[in-house]
Amino acid sequence: MSGLEGELWNLIVDDIQRLSTKGCYEPVSDAISFYLARKLRVLAAALIGLNRDPPEAILDAGCGPGTSTKVVRALYPRAKVVAMDPGALNLLRASRAAGDGTGAAQGMFEHMPFREGSFDGAVAMFSFRDAANYLMALDEFSRVLKDDGRLAILDLYRPENSLELAMSLMQFRYIGPAIGLAMGCGRDGLKFGDIYRTVLSMLTPSQLVREASRRFRRVSFKPTPFLVGILYAEGPRRPS
């Protein structure tokens, strides 16, 4: 699988914007993760500045309504933070949520509107799996990061074995929509079942590590509960 393509990409973008407008997307997503997502966002963002000088410029790619942007802003109050998303309404919410010093840029993972080496760090939190083309997205992260830049991708992953696949089927195809309905999203709560389609399109951990290693000098993957993992990559490989 190379990513979400065509109608599925449009469907997921529309779902996220619709649920965000209703105020359902983040609360239900947190509930699906049994509220571990909040802590994992902090952990992933902290990797960008771990054991080094504080980053001066950070990209939050696929920022959605700004939940992760707020985390980045809180951890790095002096950094220039840029929120990027294909949805104009999400960009407005993200820039408002994160406050002063936060820029907004409408763009996609595969075509980021930034010059080479623009950022010290980049994060993609529960958004990378929605990319239209994962390999092009990794290419773009490598391009827009500085020579010692760091990338942290926090997201669901496609299971490597049948047991994890069955768990993901139960959690995202059935439990997610049920929580959405219970938390007052109305029939739109059923849209959380579309998360499962993005999981099936997503790369497995071994595929993620392999493809990231072709683009970065140092790469690791850390699985966490509920089929979520953190991909860490540092030092973009430049074309010779």
C-alpha atoms as a PDB file:
ATOM      1  CA  MET A   1       0.000   0.000   0.000  1.00  0.00           C
ATOM      2  CA  SER A   2       1.317   3.435  -0.911  1.00  0.00           C
ATOM      3  CA  GLY A   3      -1.229   5.534   0.994  1.00  0.00           C
ATOM      4  CA  LEU A   4      -4.791   6.793   0.740  1.00  0.00           C
ATOM      5  CA  GLU A   5      -5.736   7.433  -2.833  1.00  0.00           C
ATOM      6  CA  GLY A   6      -8.553   9.157  -4.697  1.00  0.00           C
ATOM      7  CA  GLU A   7     -11.979   8.947  -3.115  1.00  0.00           C
ATOM      8  CA  LEU A   8     -10.742   7.452   0.156  1.00  0.00           C
ATOM      9  CA  TRP A   9      -8.398  10.417   0.766  1.00  0.00           C
ATOM     10  CA  ASN A  10     -11.244  12.870   0.089  1.00  0.00           C
ATOM     11  CA  LEU A  11     -13.560  10.878   2.346  1.00  0.00           C
ATOM     12  CA  ILE A  12     -11.147  10.899   5.298  1.00  0.00           C
ATOM     13  CA  VAL A  13     -10.376  14.632   4.959  1.00  0.00           C
ATOM     14  CA  ASP A  14     -14.117  15.388   4.845  1.00  0.00           C
ATOM     15  CA  ASP A  15     -14.780  13.103   7.839  1.00  0.00           C
ATOM     16  CA  ILE A  16     -12.136  14.811   9.967  1.00  0.00           C
ATOM     17  CA  GLN A  17     -13.314  18.313   9.123  1.00  0.00           C
ATOM     18  CA  ARG A  18     -16.970  17.403   9.699  1.00  0.00           C
ATOM     19  CA  LEU A  19     -16.306  15.737  13.050  1.00  0.00           C
ATOM     20  CA  SER A  20     -13.964  18.561  14.110  1.00  0.00           C
ATOM     21  CA  THR A  21     -16.642  21.142  13.293  1.00  0.00           C
ATOM     22  CA  LYS A  22     -19.073  19.262  15.537  1.00  0.00           C
ATOM     23  CA  GLY A  23     -16.460  19.136  18.304  1.00  0.00           C
ATOM     24  CA  CYS A  24     -16.462  15.330  18.183  1.00  0.00           C
ATOM     25  CA  TYR A  25     -13.194  14.351  16.562  1.00  0.00           C
ATOM     26  CA  GLU A  26     -10.679  14.870  19.360  1.00  0.00           C
ATOM     27  CA  PRO A  27     -12.878  13.827  22.337  1.00  0.00           C
ATOM     28  CA  VAL A  28     -13.905  10.570  20.671  1.00  0.00           C
ATOM     29  CA  SER A  29     -10.371   9.876  19.412  1.00  0.00           C
ATOM     30  CA  ASP A  30      -9.088  10.326  22.969  1.00  0.00           C
ATOM     31  CA  ALA A  31     -11.742   7.956  24.283  1.00  0.00           C
ATOM     32  CA  ILE A  32     -10.884   5.309  21.662  1.00  0.00           C
ATOM     33  CA  SER A  33      -7.275   5.408  22.899  1.00  0.00           C
ATOM     34  CA  PHE A  34      -8.477   5.184  26.523  1.00  0.00           C
ATOM     35  CA  TYR A  35      -6.996   8.677  26.938  1.00  0.00           C
ATOM     36  CA  LEU A  36      -3.432   7.536  26.331  1.00  0.00           C
ATOM     37  CA  ALA A  37      -3.206   9.643  23.155  1.00  0.00           C
ATOM     38  CA  ARG A  38      -2.628  12.831  25.158  1.00  0.00           C
ATOM     39  CA  LYS A  39       0.439  11.422  26.930  1.00  0.00           C
ATOM     40  CA  LEU A  40       1.788   9.905  23.730  1.00  0.00           C
ATOM     41  CA  ARG A  41       1.597  13.265  21.961  1.00  0.00           C
ATOM     42  CA  VAL A  42       3.772  14.801  24.662  1.00  0.00           C
ATOM     43  CA  LEU A  43       6.246  11.920  24.467  1.00  0.00           C
ATOM     44  CA  ALA A  44       6.536  12.145  20.679  1.00  0.00           C
ATOM     45  CA  ALA A  45       6.950  15.919  20.667  1.00  0.00           C
ATOM     46  CA  ALA A  46       9.588  15.736  23.418  1.00  0.00           C
ATOM     47  CA  LEU A  47      11.811  13.597  21.159  1.00  0.00           C
ATOM     48  CA  ILE A  48      12.322  16.572  18.846  1.00  0.00           C
ATOM     49  CA  GLY A  49      14.266  18.473  21.499  1.00  0.00           C
ATOM     50  CA  LEU A  50      15.699  15.655  23.619  1.00  0.00           C
ATOM     51  CA  ASN A  51      19.367  16.197  24.663  1.00  0.00           C
ATOM     52  CA  ARG A  52      19.979  19.095  22.310  1.00  0.00           C
ATOM     53  CA  ASP A  53      19.481  22.844  22.063  1.00  0.00           C
ATOM     54  CA  PRO A  54      15.790  23.793  21.877  1.00  0.00           C
ATOM     55  CA  PRO A  55      14.529  23.701  18.273  1.00  0.00           C
ATOM     56  CA  GLU A  56      13.878  27.065  16.648  1.00  0.00           C
ATOM     57  CA  ALA A  57      11.376  25.956  14.003  1.00  0.00           C
ATOM     58  CA  ILE A  58       8.971  23.002  14.183  1.00  0.00           C
ATOM     59  CA  LEU A  59       6.428  21.695  11.677  1.00  0.00           C
ATOM     60  CA  ASP A  60       3.192  20.075  12.820  1.00  0.00           C
ATOM     61  CA  ALA A  61       2.145  18.220   9.678  1.00  0.00           C
ATOM     62  CA  GLY A  62      -1.492  17.212   9.414  1.00  0.00           C
ATOM     63  CA  CYS A  63      -2.317  19.377  12.419  1.00  0.00           C
ATOM     64  CA  GLY A  64      -6.083  18.834  12.348  1.00  0.00           C
ATOM     65  CA  PRO A  65      -7.876  21.132  14.805  1.00  0.00           C
ATOM     66  CA  GLY A  66      -4.636  21.852  16.659  1.00  0.00           C
ATOM     67  CA  THR A  67      -4.471  19.320  19.488  1.00  0.00           C
ATOM     68  CA  SER A  68      -0.887  18.381  18.682  1.00  0.00           C
ATOM     69  CA  THR A  69       0.000  21.982  17.810  1.00  0.00           C
ATOM     70  CA  LYS A  70      -0.881  23.016  21.354  1.00  0.00           C
ATOM     71  CA  VAL A  71       1.370  20.281  22.727  1.00  0.00           C
ATOM     72  CA  VAL A  72       4.300  21.435  20.589  1.00  0.00           C
ATOM     73  CA  ARG A  73       3.715  25.068  21.545  1.00  0.00           C
ATOM     74  CA  ALA A  74       3.636  24.204  25.260  1.00  0.00           C
ATOM     75  CA  LEU A  75       6.864  22.192  25.087  1.00  0.00           C
ATOM     76  CA  TYR A  76       8.724  24.741  22.952  1.00  0.00           C
ATOM     77  CA  PRO A  77       7.312  28.184  23.789  1.00  0.00           C
ATOM     78  CA  ARG A  78      10.129  30.076  22.034  1.00  0.00           C
ATOM     79  CA  ALA A  79      10.058  28.092  18.801  1.00  0.00           C
ATOM     80  CA  LYS A  80       8.376  29.106  15.587  1.00  0.00           C
ATOM     81  CA  VAL A  81       5.655  26.505  15.134  1.00  0.00           C
ATOM     82  CA  VAL A  82       3.992  26.020  11.761  1.00  0.00           C
ATOM     83  CA  ALA A  83       0.733  24.070  11.529  1.00  0.00           C
ATOM     84  CA  MET A  84       0.086  22.457   8.143  1.00  0.00           C
ATOM     85  CA  ASP A  85      -3.140  20.821   6.990  1.00  0.00           C
ATOM     86  CA  PRO A  86      -5.129  20.463   3.758  1.00  0.00           C
ATOM     87  CA  GLY A  87      -8.254  21.738   5.520  1.00  0.00           C
ATOM     88  CA  ALA A  88      -8.694  25.504   5.857  1.00  0.00           C
ATOM     89  CA  LEU A  89     -11.049  25.218   8.852  1.00  0.00           C
ATOM     90  CA  ASN A  90      -8.598  22.995  10.696  1.00  0.00           C
ATOM     91  CA  LEU A  91      -5.805  25.512  10.092  1.00  0.00           C
ATOM     92  CA  LEU A  92      -7.920  28.290  11.560  1.00  0.00           C
ATOM     93  CA  ARG A  93      -8.672  26.219  14.660  1.00  0.00           C
ATOM     94  CA  ALA A  94      -5.054  25.135  15.061  1.00  0.00           C
ATOM     95  CA  SER A  95      -3.611  28.646  14.857  1.00  0.00           C
ATOM     96  CA  ARG A  96      -6.168  29.920  17.355  1.00  0.00           C
ATOM     97  CA  ALA A  97      -5.632  26.984  19.714  1.00  0.00           C
ATOM     98  CA  ALA A  98      -1.846  27.291  19.778  1.00  0.00           C
ATOM     99  CA  GLY A  99      -1.763  31.085  20.058  1.00  0.00           C
ATOM    100  CA  ASP A 100       0.992  33.598  19.311  1.00  0.00           C
ATOM    101  CA  GLY A 101       4.038  32.444  17.380  1.00  0.00           C
ATOM    102  CA  THR A 102       2.101  29.797  15.462  1.00  0.00           C
ATOM    103  CA  GLY A 103       1.940  30.013  11.694  1.00  0.00           C
ATOM    104  CA  ALA A 104      -0.451  28.206   9.374  1.00  0.00           C
ATOM    105  CA  ALA A 105       0.197  26.755   5.926  1.00  0.00           C
ATOM    106  CA  GLN A 106      -2.293  24.910   3.769  1.00  0.00           C
ATOM    107  CA  GLY A 107      -0.584  21.913   2.261  1.00  0.00           C
ATOM    108  CA  MET A 108      -0.337  18.151   1.883  1.00  0.00           C
ATOM    109  CA  PHE A 109       2.271  15.681   3.055  1.00  0.00           C
ATOM    110  CA  GLU A 110       3.332  15.005  -0.519  1.00  0.00           C
ATOM    111  CA  HIS A 111       3.791  18.670  -1.499  1.00  0.00           C
ATOM    112  CA  MET A 112       4.873  20.729   1.511  1.00  0.00           C
ATOM    113  CA  PRO A 113       5.012  24.456   0.758  1.00  0.00           C
ATOM    114  CA  PHE A 114       8.425  25.014   2.389  1.00  0.00           C
ATOM    115  CA  ARG A 115      12.011  25.395   1.287  1.00  0.00           C
ATOM    116  CA  GLU A 116      14.628  22.713   1.858  1.00  0.00           C
ATOM    117  CA  GLY A 117      16.010  22.678   5.402  1.00  0.00           C
ATOM    118  CA  SER A 118      13.308  24.925   6.864  1.00  0.00           C
ATOM    119  CA  PHE A 119      12.762  23.084  10.166  1.00  0.00           C
ATOM    120  CA  ASP A 120      14.743  21.687  13.095  1.00  0.00           C
ATOM    121  CA  GLY A 121      11.960  19.236  13.846  1.00  0.00           C
ATOM    122  CA  ALA A 122       8.696  17.909  12.487  1.00  0.00           C
ATOM    123  CA  VAL A 123       5.848  15.925  13.990  1.00  0.00           C
ATOM    124  CA  ALA A 124       2.884  14.105  12.506  1.00  0.00           C
ATOM    125  CA  MET A 125       0.480  12.952  15.183  1.00  0.00           C
ATOM    126  CA  PHE A 126      -2.337  10.616  14.146  1.00  0.00           C
ATOM    127  CA  SER A 127      -2.240  12.152  10.685  1.00  0.00           C
ATOM    128  CA  PHE A 128       0.493  10.398   8.689  1.00  0.00           C
ATOM    129  CA  ARG A 129      -1.745   7.422   7.930  1.00  0.00           C
ATOM    130  CA  ASP A 130      -4.069   9.829   6.091  1.00  0.00           C
ATOM    131  CA  ALA A 131      -1.379  10.772   3.558  1.00  0.00           C
ATOM    132  CA  ALA A 132      -2.154  10.065  -0.090  1.00  0.00           C
ATOM    133  CA  ASN A 133       1.352   8.640  -0.624  1.00  0.00           C
ATOM    134  CA  TYR A 134       3.490   7.600   2.335  1.00  0.00           C
ATOM    135  CA  LEU A 135       6.772   7.401   0.443  1.00  0.00           C
ATOM    136  CA  MET A 136       6.396  10.870  -1.047  1.00  0.00           C
ATOM    137  CA  ALA A 137       5.496  12.150   2.426  1.00  0.00           C
ATOM    138  CA  LEU A 138       8.727  10.727   3.884  1.00  0.00           C
ATOM    139  CA  ASP A 139      10.630  12.297   0.979  1.00  0.00           C
ATOM    140  CA  GLU A 140       9.149  15.669   1.841  1.00  0.00           C
ATOM    141  CA  PHE A 141       9.953  15.377   5.549  1.00  0.00           C
ATOM    142  CA  SER A 142      13.550  14.609   4.614  1.00  0.00           C
ATOM    143  CA  ARG A 143      13.635  17.623   2.297  1.00  0.00           C
ATOM    144  CA  VAL A 144      12.177  20.261   4.641  1.00  0.00           C
ATOM    145  CA  LEU A 145      14.230  19.216   7.686  1.00  0.00           C
ATOM    146  CA  LYS A 146      17.731  20.552   8.369  1.00  0.00           C
ATOM    147  CA  ASP A 147      20.760  18.264   8.156  1.00  0.00           C
ATOM    148  CA  ASP A 148      20.399  17.333  11.830  1.00  0.00           C
ATOM    149  CA  GLY A 149      16.606  17.632  11.820  1.00  0.00           C
ATOM    150  CA  ARG A 150      14.372  15.212  13.689  1.00  0.00           C
ATOM    151  CA  LEU A 151      11.033  13.649  12.782  1.00  0.00           C
ATOM    152  CA  ALA A 152       8.518  12.020  15.127  1.00  0.00           C
ATOM    153  CA  ILE A 153       5.500  10.232  13.682  1.00  0.00           C
ATOM    154  CA  LEU A 154       2.896   9.092  16.207  1.00  0.00           C
ATOM    155  CA  ASP A 155       0.188   6.997  14.639  1.00  0.00           C
ATOM    156  CA  LEU A 156      -1.731   3.790  14.289  1.00  0.00           C
ATOM    157  CA  TYR A 157       0.031   1.167  12.231  1.00  0.00           C
ATOM    158  CA  ARG A 158      -1.030  -1.770  10.088  1.00  0.00           C
ATOM    159  CA  PRO A 159      -0.600  -4.926  12.177  1.00  0.00           C
ATOM    160  CA  GLU A 160       2.042  -7.458  11.193  1.00  0.00           C
ATOM    161  CA  ASN A 161       0.116 -10.500  12.451  1.00  0.00           C
ATOM    162  CA  SER A 162      -3.432 -11.840  12.450  1.00  0.00           C
ATOM    163  CA  LEU A 163      -4.014 -11.358  16.200  1.00  0.00           C
ATOM    164  CA  GLU A 164      -3.221  -7.640  16.065  1.00  0.00           C
ATOM    165  CA  LEU A 165      -5.315  -7.358  12.899  1.00  0.00           C
ATOM    166  CA  ALA A 166      -8.303  -8.848  14.716  1.00  0.00           C
ATOM    167  CA  MET A 167      -7.761  -6.440  17.637  1.00  0.00           C
ATOM    168  CA  SER A 168      -7.681  -3.471  15.307  1.00  0.00           C
ATOM    169  CA  LEU A 169     -10.850  -4.665  13.573  1.00  0.00           C
ATOM    170  CA  MET A 170     -12.676  -4.769  16.891  1.00  0.00           C
ATOM    171  CA  GLN A 171     -11.302  -1.466  18.200  1.00  0.00           C
ATOM    172  CA  PHE A 172     -11.639   0.768  15.172  1.00  0.00           C
ATOM    173  CA  ARG A 173     -14.439  -0.727  13.109  1.00  0.00           C
ATOM    174  CA  TYR A 174     -16.863  -1.398  15.953  1.00  0.00           C
ATOM    175  CA  ILE A 175     -15.835   0.179  19.257  1.00  0.00           C
ATOM    176  CA  GLY A 176     -14.917   3.540  17.690  1.00  0.00           C
ATOM    177  CA  PRO A 177     -18.310   4.159  16.060  1.00  0.00           C
ATOM    178  CA  ALA A 178     -20.086   2.985  19.224  1.00  0.00           C
ATOM    179  CA  ILE A 179     -18.143   5.525  21.303  1.00  0.00           C
ATOM    180  CA  GLY A 180     -18.897   8.209  18.707  1.00  0.00           C
ATOM    181  CA  LEU A 181     -22.616   7.535  18.974  1.00  0.00           C
ATOM    182  CA  ALA A 182     -22.484   7.426  22.766  1.00  0.00           C
ATOM    183  CA  MET A 183     -20.638  10.754  22.979  1.00  0.00           C
ATOM    184  CA  GLY A 184     -23.288  12.678  21.071  1.00  0.00           C
ATOM    185  CA  CYS A 185     -21.915  12.773  17.528  1.00  0.00           C
ATOM    186  CA  GLY A 186     -25.182  11.526  16.080  1.00  0.00           C
ATOM    187  CA  ARG A 187     -24.978   9.490  12.895  1.00  0.00           C
ATOM    188  CA  ASP A 188     -21.630  11.158  12.193  1.00  0.00           C
ATOM    189  CA  GLY A 189     -20.254   8.955  14.953  1.00  0.00           C
ATOM    190  CA  LEU A 190     -20.365   6.085  12.469  1.00  0.00           C
ATOM    191  CA  LYS A 191     -17.653   7.857  10.484  1.00  0.00           C
ATOM    192  CA  PHE A 192     -15.116   6.688  13.061  1.00  0.00           C
ATOM    193  CA  GLY A 193     -15.423   3.298  11.387  1.00  0.00           C
ATOM    194  CA  ASP A 194     -13.493   4.812   8.481  1.00  0.00           C
ATOM    195  CA  ILE A 195     -10.397   4.818  10.718  1.00  0.00           C
ATOM    196  CA  TYR A 196     -10.139   1.106  10.057  1.00  0.00           C
ATOM    197  CA  ARG A 197      -9.794   1.746   6.337  1.00  0.00           C
ATOM    198  CA  THR A 198      -6.808   4.008   7.007  1.00  0.00           C
ATOM    199  CA  VAL A 199      -5.218   1.345   9.230  1.00  0.00           C
ATOM    200  CA  LEU A 200      -5.471  -1.213   6.435  1.00  0.00           C
ATOM    201  CA  SER A 201      -3.783   1.235   4.053  1.00  0.00           C
ATOM    202  CA  MET A 202      -1.024   2.150   6.504  1.00  0.00           C
ATOM    203  CA  LEU A 203       2.508   0.738   6.456  1.00  0.00           C
ATOM    204  CA  THR A 204       3.523  -1.938   8.951  1.00  0.00           C
ATOM    205  CA  PRO A 205       6.245  -1.082  11.499  1.00  0.00           C
ATOM    206  CA  SER A 206       8.890  -2.983   9.531  1.00  0.00           C
ATOM    207  CA  GLN A 207       7.903  -1.181   6.330  1.00  0.00           C
ATOM    208  CA  LEU A 208       7.979   2.176   8.103  1.00  0.00           C
ATOM    209  CA  VAL A 209      11.463   1.565   9.473  1.00  0.00           C
ATOM    210  CA  ARG A 210      12.747   0.325   6.119  1.00  0.00           C
ATOM    211  CA  GLU A 211      11.423   3.282   4.153  1.00  0.00           C
ATOM    212  CA  ALA A 212      12.456   5.848   6.775  1.00  0.00           C
ATOM    213  CA  SER A 213      15.973   4.366   6.866  1.00  0.00           C
ATOM    214  CA  ARG A 214      16.324   5.081   3.166  1.00  0.00           C
ATOM    215  CA  ARG A 215      15.712   8.743   3.891  1.00  0.00           C
ATOM    216  CA  PHE A 216      17.259   9.265   7.359  1.00  0.00           C
ATOM    217  CA  ARG A 217      20.519   8.196   8.985  1.00  0.00           C
ATOM    218  CA  ARG A 218      19.049   7.141  12.350  1.00  0.00           C
ATOM    219  CA  VAL A 219      15.629   5.505  12.685  1.00  0.00           C
ATOM    220  CA  SER A 220      13.754   3.662  15.422  1.00  0.00           C
ATOM    221  CA  PHE A 221      10.192   2.505  16.051  1.00  0.00           C
ATOM    222  CA  LYS A 222       8.581   2.135  19.466  1.00  0.00           C
ATOM    223  CA  PRO A 223       5.234   0.317  19.725  1.00  0.00           C
ATOM    224  CA  THR A 224       2.858   1.537  22.428  1.00  0.00           C
ATOM    225  CA  PRO A 225      -0.530   0.215  23.620  1.00  0.00           C
ATOM    226  CA  PHE A 226      -3.572  -0.042  21.343  1.00  0.00           C
ATOM    227  CA  LEU A 227      -1.721  -0.477  18.045  1.00  0.00           C
ATOM    228  CA  VAL A 228      -0.080   2.941  18.196  1.00  0.00           C
ATOM    229  CA  GLY A 229       3.617   3.469  17.557  1.00  0.00           C
ATOM    230  CA  ILE A 230       6.213   6.247  17.420  1.00  0.00           C
ATOM    231  CA  LEU A 231       8.597   6.391  14.480  1.00  0.00           C
ATOM    232  CA  TYR A 232      11.672   8.502  15.265  1.00  0.00           C
ATOM    233  CA  ALA A 233      14.030   9.584  12.496  1.00  0.00           C
ATOM    234  CA  GLU A 234      17.032  11.916  12.559  1.00  0.00           C
ATOM    235  CA  GLY A 235      19.457  13.277   9.970  1.00  0.00           C
ATOM    236  CA  PRO A 236      17.980  13.432   6.460  1.00  0.00           C
ATOM    237  CA  ARG A 237      19.946  11.701   3.735  1.00  0.00           C
ATOM    238  CA  ARG A 238      20.635  14.195   0.951  1.00  0.00           C
ATOM    239  CA  PRO A 239      20.908  13.172  -2.714  1.00  0.00           C
ATOM    240  CA  SER A 240      24.579  12.871  -3.666  1.00  0.00           C
END
